[in-house]
PDB file of N, CA and C in Angstrom:
ATOM      1  N   MET A   1      -7.013  -8.977  18.125  1.00  0.00           N
ATOM      2  CA  MET A   1      -7.548  -8.341  16.939  1.00  0.00           C
ATOM      3  C   MET A   1      -6.989  -9.025  15.704  1.00  0.00           C
ATOM      4  N   ARG A   2      -7.777  -9.112  14.699  1.00  0.00           N
ATOM      5  CA  ARG A   2      -7.391  -9.789  13.476  1.00  0.00           C
ATOM      6  C   ARG A   2      -7.056  -8.785  12.372  1.00  0.00           C
ATOM      7  N   ILE A   3      -5.937  -9.013  11.728  1.00  0.00           N
ATOM      8  CA  ILE A   3      -5.556  -8.174  10.594  1.00  0.00           C
ATOM      9  C   ILE A   3      -6.375  -8.609   9.385  1.00  0.00           C
ATOM     10  N   GLU A   4      -7.103  -7.669   8.827  1.00  0.00           N
ATOM     11  CA  GLU A   4      -7.926  -7.954   7.652  1.00  0.00           C
ATOM     12  C   GLU A   4      -7.147  -7.751   6.357  1.00  0.00           C
ATOM     13  N   ARG A   5      -6.361  -6.680   6.322  1.00  0.00           N
ATOM     14  CA  ARG A   5      -5.578  -6.386   5.127  1.00  0.00           C
ATOM     15  C   ARG A   5      -4.417  -5.479   5.521  1.00  0.00           C
ATOM     16  N   GLY A   6      -3.494  -5.348   4.598  1.00  0.00           N
ATOM     17  CA  GLY A   6      -2.365  -4.478   4.861  1.00  0.00           C
ATOM     18  C   GLY A   6      -1.477  -4.366   3.646  1.00  0.00           C
ATOM     19  N   PHE A   7      -0.469  -3.538   3.752  1.00  0.00           N
ATOM     20  CA  PHE A   7       0.514  -3.419   2.681  1.00  0.00           C
ATOM     21  C   PHE A   7       1.871  -3.147   3.296  1.00  0.00           C
ATOM     22  N   GLU A   8       2.878  -3.494   2.538  1.00  0.00           N
ATOM     23  CA  GLU A   8       4.251  -3.226   2.953  1.00  0.00           C
ATOM     24  C   GLU A   8       5.068  -2.937   1.714  1.00  0.00           C
ATOM     25  N   SER A   9       5.923  -1.943   1.791  1.00  0.00           N
ATOM     26  CA  SER A   9       6.819  -1.656   0.677  1.00  0.00           C
ATOM     27  C   SER A   9       8.223  -1.438   1.219  1.00  0.00           C
ATOM     28  N   LEU A  10       9.191  -1.853   0.419  1.00  0.00           N
ATOM     29  CA  LEU A  10      10.601  -1.679   0.735  1.00  0.00           C
ATOM     30  C   LEU A  10      11.281  -1.128  -0.505  1.00  0.00           C
ATOM     31  N   PHE A  11      12.153  -0.175  -0.308  1.00  0.00           N
ATOM     32  CA  PHE A  11      12.958   0.301  -1.429  1.00  0.00           C
ATOM     33  C   PHE A  11      14.255   0.902  -0.923  1.00  0.00           C
ATOM     34  N   ALA A  12      15.239   0.919  -1.791  1.00  0.00           N
ATOM     35  CA  ALA A  12      16.555   1.465  -1.465  1.00  0.00           C
ATOM     36  C   ALA A  12      16.696   2.847  -2.094  1.00  0.00           C
ATOM     37  N   ARG A  13      17.416   3.711  -1.405  1.00  0.00           N
ATOM     38  CA  ARG A  13      17.688   5.055  -1.928  1.00  0.00           C
ATOM     39  C   ARG A  13      18.898   5.635  -1.218  1.00  0.00           C
ATOM     40  N   LYS A  14      19.359   6.777  -1.727  1.00  0.00           N
ATOM     41  CA  LYS A  14      20.432   7.507  -1.055  1.00  0.00           C
ATOM     42  C   LYS A  14      19.859   8.173   0.191  1.00  0.00           C
ATOM     43  N   PRO A  15      20.626   8.256   1.260  1.00  0.00           N
ATOM     44  CA  PRO A  15      20.123   8.865   2.497  1.00  0.00           C
ATOM     45  C   PRO A  15      20.099  10.385   2.420  1.00  0.00           C
ATOM     46  N   THR A  16      19.254  10.963   3.242  1.00  0.00           N
ATOM     47  CA  THR A  16      19.286  12.412   3.428  1.00  0.00           C
ATOM     48  C   THR A  16      20.530  12.729   4.263  1.00  0.00           C
ATOM     49  N   PRO A  17      20.956  13.973   4.300  1.00  0.00           N
ATOM     50  CA  PRO A  17      22.113  14.317   5.139  1.00  0.00           C
ATOM     51  C   PRO A  17      21.897  13.934   6.611  1.00  0.00           C
ATOM     52  N   SER A  18      20.709  14.132   7.129  1.00  0.00           N
ATOM     53  CA  SER A  18      20.405  13.778   8.515  1.00  0.00           C
ATOM     54  C   SER A  18      20.481  12.266   8.734  1.00  0.00           C
ATOM     55  N   GLU A  19      19.915  11.484   7.823  1.00  0.00           N
ATOM     56  CA  GLU A  19      19.982  10.018   7.929  1.00  0.00           C
ATOM     57  C   GLU A  19      21.423   9.537   7.861  1.00  0.00           C
ATOM     58  N   ARG A  20      22.180  10.136   6.975  1.00  0.00           N
ATOM     59  CA  ARG A  20      23.594   9.752   6.834  1.00  0.00           C
ATOM     60  C   ARG A  20      24.355   9.985   8.130  1.00  0.00           C
ATOM     61  N   ARG A  21      24.083  11.092   8.770  1.00  0.00           N
ATOM     62  CA  ARG A  21      24.740  11.432  10.028  1.00  0.00           C
ATOM     63  C   ARG A  21      24.281  10.484  11.151  1.00  0.00           C
ATOM     64  N   HIS A  22      22.977  10.285  11.294  1.00  0.00           N
ATOM     65  CA  HIS A  22      22.450   9.439  12.370  1.00  0.00           C
ATOM     66  C   HIS A  22      22.832   7.970  12.213  1.00  0.00           C
ATOM     67  N   LEU A  23      22.895   7.497  10.974  1.00  0.00           N
ATOM     68  CA  LEU A  23      23.239   6.089  10.728  1.00  0.00           C
ATOM     69  C   LEU A  23      24.741   5.871  10.525  1.00  0.00           C
ATOM     70  N   ARG A  24      25.501   6.979  10.555  1.00  0.00           N
ATOM     71  CA  ARG A  24      26.957   6.934  10.385  1.00  0.00           C
ATOM     72  C   ARG A  24      27.353   6.240   9.082  1.00  0.00           C
ATOM     73  N   LEU A  25      26.744   6.696   8.004  1.00  0.00           N
ATOM     74  CA  LEU A  25      26.990   6.109   6.683  1.00  0.00           C
ATOM     75  C   LEU A  25      28.146   6.792   5.978  1.00  0.00           C
ATOM     76  N   ASP A  26      28.848   6.034   5.159  1.00  0.00           N
ATOM     77  CA  ASP A  26      29.877   6.583   4.290  1.00  0.00           C
ATOM     78  C   ASP A  26      29.214   7.393   3.184  1.00  0.00           C
ATOM     79  N   ALA A  27      30.031   8.102   2.411  1.00  0.00           N
ATOM     80  CA  ALA A  27      29.497   8.949   1.337  1.00  0.00           C
ATOM     81  C   ALA A  27      28.651   8.166   0.338  1.00  0.00           C
ATOM     82  N   GLY A  28      28.986   6.919   0.065  1.00  0.00           N
ATOM     83  CA  GLY A  28      28.228   6.118  -0.898  1.00  0.00           C
ATOM     84  C   GLY A  28      27.166   5.241  -0.271  1.00  0.00           C
ATOM     85  N   GLY A  29      26.854   5.467   1.017  1.00  0.00           N
ATOM     86  CA  GLY A  29      25.901   4.618   1.733  1.00  0.00           C
ATOM     87  C   GLY A  29      24.500   4.646   1.143  1.00  0.00           C
ATOM     88  N   ILE A  30      23.791   3.550   1.307  1.00  0.00           N
ATOM     89  CA  ILE A  30      22.422   3.406   0.823  1.00  0.00           C
ATOM     90  C   ILE A  30      21.549   2.995   2.005  1.00  0.00           C
ATOM     91  N   VAL A  31      20.312   3.489   2.041  1.00  0.00           N
ATOM     92  CA  VAL A  31      19.367   3.106   3.089  1.00  0.00           C
ATOM     93  C   VAL A  31      18.227   2.287   2.498  1.00  0.00           C
ATOM     94  N   MET A  32      17.619   1.475   3.358  1.00  0.00           N
ATOM     95  CA  MET A  32      16.394   0.746   3.027  1.00  0.00           C
ATOM     96  C   MET A  32      15.255   1.457   3.727  1.00  0.00           C
ATOM     97  N   VAL A  33      14.219   1.765   2.976  1.00  0.00           N
ATOM     98  CA  VAL A  33      13.037   2.421   3.528  1.00  0.00           C
ATOM     99  C   VAL A  33      11.922   1.384   3.599  1.00  0.00           C
ATOM    100  N   VAL A  34      11.326   1.238   4.778  1.00  0.00           N
ATOM    101  CA  VAL A  34      10.256   0.268   5.007  1.00  0.00           C
ATOM    102  C   VAL A  34       8.996   1.022   5.416  1.00  0.00           C
ATOM    103  N   THR A  35       7.912   0.772   4.710  1.00  0.00           N
ATOM    104  CA  THR A  35       6.613   1.338   5.054  1.00  0.00           C
ATOM    105  C   THR A  35       5.622   0.188   5.152  1.00  0.00           C
ATOM    106  N   ARG A  36       4.915   0.108   6.280  1.00  0.00           N
ATOM    107  CA  ARG A  36       3.926  -0.961   6.457  1.00  0.00           C
ATOM    108  C   ARG A  36       2.733  -0.415   7.212  1.00  0.00           C
ATOM    109  N   VAL A  37       1.528  -0.803   6.754  1.00  0.00           N
ATOM    110  CA  VAL A  37       0.298  -0.465   7.461  1.00  0.00           C
ATOM    111  C   VAL A  37      -0.612  -1.688   7.400  1.00  0.00           C
ATOM    112  N   SER A  38      -1.174  -2.070   8.539  1.00  0.00           N
ATOM    113  CA  SER A  38      -2.150  -3.155   8.566  1.00  0.00           C
ATOM    114  C   SER A  38      -3.440  -2.635   9.190  1.00  0.00           C
ATOM    115  N   PHE A  39      -4.559  -3.207   8.726  1.00  0.00           N
ATOM    116  CA  PHE A  39      -5.875  -2.695   9.095  1.00  0.00           C
ATOM    117  C   PHE A  39      -6.779  -3.779   9.669  1.00  0.00           C
ATOM    118  N   HIS A  40      -7.611  -3.387  10.601  1.00  0.00           N
ATOM    119  CA  HIS A  40      -8.687  -4.221  11.133  1.00  0.00           C
ATOM    120  C   HIS A  40      -9.820  -4.227  10.097  1.00  0.00           C
ATOM    121  N   ALA A  41     -10.739  -5.165  10.205  1.00  0.00           N
ATOM    122  CA  ALA A  41     -11.868  -5.254   9.266  1.00  0.00           C
ATOM    123  C   ALA A  41     -12.700  -3.973   9.246  1.00  0.00           C
ATOM    124  N   ASP A  42     -12.767  -3.249  10.365  1.00  0.00           N
ATOM    125  CA  ASP A  42     -13.563  -2.018  10.404  1.00  0.00           C
ATOM    126  C   ASP A  42     -12.790  -0.795   9.904  1.00  0.00           C
ATOM    127  N   GLY A  43     -11.561  -1.013   9.419  1.00  0.00           N
ATOM    128  CA  GLY A  43     -10.781   0.079   8.845  1.00  0.00           C
ATOM    129  C   GLY A  43      -9.770   0.713   9.787  1.00  0.00           C
ATOM    130  N   ARG A  44      -9.797   0.355  11.071  1.00  0.00           N
ATOM    131  CA  ARG A  44      -8.821   0.927  12.014  1.00  0.00           C
ATOM    132  C   ARG A  44      -7.416   0.444  11.685  1.00  0.00           C
ATOM    133  N   VAL A  45      -6.464   1.335  11.853  1.00  0.00           N
ATOM    134  CA  VAL A  45      -5.062   0.974  11.662  1.00  0.00           C
ATOM    135  C   VAL A  45      -4.599   0.204  12.901  1.00  0.00           C
ATOM    136  N   LEU A  46      -4.036  -0.984  12.679  1.00  0.00           N
ATOM    137  CA  LEU A  46      -3.527  -1.803  13.777  1.00  0.00           C
ATOM    138  C   LEU A  46      -2.016  -1.668  13.941  1.00  0.00           C
ATOM    139  N   ASP A  47      -1.323  -1.397  12.858  1.00  0.00           N
ATOM    140  CA  ASP A  47       0.134  -1.338  12.884  1.00  0.00           C
ATOM    141  C   ASP A  47       0.577  -0.390  11.778  1.00  0.00           C
ATOM    142  N   ALA A  48       1.504   0.490  12.099  1.00  0.00           N
ATOM    143  CA  ALA A  48       2.042   1.389  11.086  1.00  0.00           C
ATOM    144  C   ALA A  48       3.539   1.545  11.320  1.00  0.00           C
ATOM    145  N   VAL A  49       4.315   1.352  10.267  1.00  0.00           N
ATOM    146  CA  VAL A  49       5.771   1.465  10.342  1.00  0.00           C
ATOM    147  C   VAL A  49       6.239   2.340   9.188  1.00  0.00           C
ATOM    148  N   ASP A  50       7.095   3.270   9.495  1.00  0.00           N
ATOM    149  CA  ASP A  50       7.767   4.091   8.486  1.00  0.00           C
ATOM    150  C   ASP A  50       9.194   4.232   8.993  1.00  0.00           C
ATOM    151  N   ALA A  51      10.101   3.405   8.473  1.00  0.00           N
ATOM    152  CA  ALA A  51      11.447   3.322   9.034  1.00  0.00           C
ATOM    153  C   ALA A  51      12.509   3.402   7.948  1.00  0.00           C
ATOM    154  N   VAL A  52      13.687   3.867   8.347  1.00  0.00           N
ATOM    155  CA  VAL A  52      14.847   3.956   7.461  1.00  0.00           C
ATOM    156  C   VAL A  52      15.994   3.222   8.143  1.00  0.00           C
ATOM    157  N   HIS A  53      16.637   2.288   7.407  1.00  0.00           N
ATOM    158  CA  HIS A  53      17.707   1.471   7.956  1.00  0.00           C
ATOM    159  C   HIS A  53      18.946   1.521   7.064  1.00  0.00           C
ATOM    160  N   ASP A  54      20.088   1.335   7.675  1.00  0.00           N
ATOM    161  CA  ASP A  54      21.346   1.160   6.937  1.00  0.00           C
ATOM    162  C   ASP A  54      21.227  -0.153   6.161  1.00  0.00           C
ATOM    163  N   SER A  55      21.345  -0.109   4.860  1.00  0.00           N
ATOM    164  CA  SER A  55      21.131  -1.306   4.031  1.00  0.00           C
ATOM    165  C   SER A  55      22.153  -2.404   4.306  1.00  0.00           C
ATOM    166  N   ARG A  56      23.314  -2.064   4.843  1.00  0.00           N
ATOM    167  CA  ARG A  56      24.329  -3.084   5.142  1.00  0.00           C
ATOM    168  C   ARG A  56      23.926  -3.947   6.333  1.00  0.00           C
ATOM    169  N   ARG A  57      22.999  -3.463   7.137  1.00  0.00           N
ATOM    170  CA  ARG A  57      22.631  -4.162   8.366  1.00  0.00           C
ATOM    171  C   ARG A  57      21.153  -4.552   8.394  1.00  0.00           C
ATOM    172  N   TYR A  58      20.512  -4.556   7.259  1.00  0.00           N
ATOM    173  CA  TYR A  58      19.073  -4.828   7.216  1.00  0.00           C
ATOM    174  C   TYR A  58      18.796  -6.205   6.631  1.00  0.00           C
ATOM    175  N   ILE A  59      18.005  -6.992   7.330  1.00  0.00           N
ATOM    176  CA  ILE A  59      17.577  -8.313   6.861  1.00  0.00           C
ATOM    177  C   ILE A  59      16.055  -8.306   6.858  1.00  0.00           C
ATOM    178  N   TYR A  60      15.469  -8.758   5.774  1.00  0.00           N
ATOM    179  CA  TYR A  60      14.009  -8.846   5.688  1.00  0.00           C
ATOM    180  C   TYR A  60      13.588 -10.301   5.740  1.00  0.00           C
ATOM    181  N   HIS A  61      12.628 -10.595   6.603  1.00  0.00           N
ATOM    182  CA  HIS A  61      12.123 -11.950   6.754  1.00  0.00           C
ATOM    183  C   HIS A  61      10.613 -11.854   6.944  1.00  0.00           C
ATOM    184  N   ALA A  62       9.836 -12.538   6.129  1.00  0.00           N
ATOM    185  CA  ALA A  62       8.379 -12.505   6.249  1.00  0.00           C
ATOM    186  C   ALA A  62       7.838 -13.920   6.383  1.00  0.00           C
ATOM    187  N   VAL A  63       6.866 -14.076   7.269  1.00  0.00           N
ATOM    188  CA  VAL A  63       6.167 -15.341   7.439  1.00  0.00           C
ATOM    189  C   VAL A  63       4.677 -15.051   7.373  1.00  0.00           C
ATOM    190  N   LEU A  64       3.983 -15.718   6.475  1.00  0.00           N
ATOM    191  CA  LEU A  64       2.534 -15.590   6.371  1.00  0.00           C
ATOM    192  C   LEU A  64       1.945 -16.952   6.683  1.00  0.00           C
ATOM    193  N   GLN A  65       0.990 -16.995   7.593  1.00  0.00           N
ATOM    194  CA  GLN A  65       0.450 -18.280   8.017  1.00  0.00           C
ATOM    195  C   GLN A  65      -1.060 -18.172   8.179  1.00  0.00           C
ATOM    196  N   ARG A  66      -1.769 -19.156   7.658  1.00  0.00           N
ATOM    197  CA  ARG A  66      -3.215 -19.212   7.832  1.00  0.00           C
ATOM    198  C   ARG A  66      -3.522 -20.320   8.834  1.00  0.00           C
ATOM    199  N   THR A  67      -4.361 -19.988   9.807  1.00  0.00           N
ATOM    200  CA  THR A  67      -4.750 -20.966  10.818  1.00  0.00           C
ATOM    201  C   THR A  67      -6.199 -21.380  10.600  1.00  0.00           C
ATOM    202  N   ARG A  68      -6.634 -22.418  11.291  1.00  0.00           N
ATOM    203  CA  ARG A  68      -8.023 -22.889  11.148  1.00  0.00           C
ATOM    204  C   ARG A  68      -9.027 -21.836  11.558  1.00  0.00           C
ATOM    205  N   GLY A  69      -8.701 -21.048  12.553  1.00  0.00           N
ATOM    206  CA  GLY A  69      -9.631 -20.043  13.048  1.00  0.00           C
ATOM    207  C   GLY A  69      -9.663 -18.765  12.233  1.00  0.00           C
ATOM    208  N   GLY A  70      -8.914 -18.679  11.191  1.00  0.00           N
ATOM    209  CA  GLY A  70      -8.853 -17.462  10.382  1.00  0.00           C
ATOM    210  C   GLY A  70      -7.428 -17.202   9.973  1.00  0.00           C
ATOM    211  N   ALA A  71      -7.214 -16.052   9.443  1.00  0.00           N
ATOM    212  CA  ALA A  71      -5.888 -15.722   8.938  1.00  0.00           C
ATOM    213  C   ALA A  71      -5.039 -15.118  10.052  1.00  0.00           C
ATOM    214  N   ALA A  72      -3.823 -15.535  10.135  1.00  0.00           N
ATOM    215  CA  ALA A  72      -2.845 -14.938  11.042  1.00  0.00           C
ATOM    216  C   ALA A  72      -1.644 -14.555  10.208  1.00  0.00           C
ATOM    217  N   TYR A  73      -1.148 -13.362  10.404  1.00  0.00           N
ATOM    218  CA  TYR A  73      -0.048 -12.870   9.594  1.00  0.00           C
ATOM    219  C   TYR A  73       1.124 -12.535  10.488  1.00  0.00           C
ATOM    220  N   GLY A  74       2.323 -12.808  10.031  1.00  0.00           N
ATOM    221  CA  GLY A  74       3.508 -12.408  10.763  1.00  0.00           C
ATOM    222  C   GLY A  74       4.526 -11.821   9.815  1.00  0.00           C
ATOM    223  N   LEU A  75       4.925 -10.619  10.064  1.00  0.00           N
ATOM    224  CA  LEU A  75       5.964  -9.970   9.275  1.00  0.00           C
ATOM    225  C   LEU A  75       7.010  -9.459  10.253  1.00  0.00           C
ATOM    226  N   ALA A  76       8.245  -9.685   9.929  1.00  0.00           N
ATOM    227  CA  ALA A  76       9.308  -9.245  10.823  1.00  0.00           C
ATOM    228  C   ALA A  76      10.482  -8.759  10.002  1.00  0.00           C
ATOM    229  N   ASN A  77      11.205  -7.823  10.546  1.00  0.00           N
ATOM    230  CA  ASN A  77      12.469  -7.435   9.929  1.00  0.00           C
ATOM    231  C   ASN A  77      13.490  -7.311  11.037  1.00  0.00           C
ATOM    232  N   ALA A  78      14.721  -7.428  10.678  1.00  0.00           N
ATOM    233  CA  ALA A  78      15.786  -7.396  11.659  1.00  0.00           C
ATOM    234  C   ALA A  78      16.876  -6.439  11.211  1.00  0.00           C
ATOM    235  N   VAL A  79      17.487  -5.789  12.155  1.00  0.00           N
ATOM    236  CA  VAL A  79      18.584  -4.885  11.870  1.00  0.00           C
ATOM    237  C   VAL A  79      19.770  -5.339  12.713  1.00  0.00           C
ATOM    238  N   GLY A  80      20.946  -5.367  12.109  1.00  0.00           N
ATOM    239  CA  GLY A  80      22.113  -5.644  12.920  1.00  0.00           C
ATOM    240  C   GLY A  80      23.005  -6.750  12.439  1.00  0.00           C
ATOM    241  N   GLY A  81      22.729  -7.359  11.349  1.00  0.00           N
ATOM    242  CA  GLY A  81      23.618  -8.407  10.865  1.00  0.00           C
ATOM    243  C   GLY A  81      23.144  -8.960   9.557  1.00  0.00           C
ATOM    244  N   ARG A  82      23.908  -9.861   9.029  1.00  0.00           N
ATOM    245  CA  ARG A  82      23.553 -10.495   7.764  1.00  0.00           C
ATOM    246  C   ARG A  82      23.233 -11.959   8.025  1.00  0.00           C
ATOM    247  N   GLU A  83      22.357 -12.495   7.198  1.00  0.00           N
ATOM    248  CA  GLU A  83      22.044 -13.916   7.310  1.00  0.00           C
ATOM    249  C   GLU A  83      23.292 -14.717   7.021  1.00  0.00           C
ATOM    250  N   ARG A  84      23.419 -15.831   7.662  1.00  0.00           N
ATOM    251  CA  ARG A  84      24.588 -16.691   7.471  1.00  0.00           C
ATOM    252  C   ARG A  84      24.225 -17.859   6.609  1.00  0.00           C
TER     253      ARG A  84
END
């Protein structure tokens, strides 16, 4: 299936008490909120992400690539370390 369009947003905020507990954050901890939705040409949702991550362990990496046969998109994020 081909992704026709989509959106992604990232923002930082203070965690909720539940997020703080689950992510084992200190009192001053900050989370990264990621929301992404991609759509097929007919409007069907192909991918949906609504995630909250510990900002100390979140790395964002995006690759967008167009191929001869049409558009191909790749978006990825990683949790667990910092870029070196």
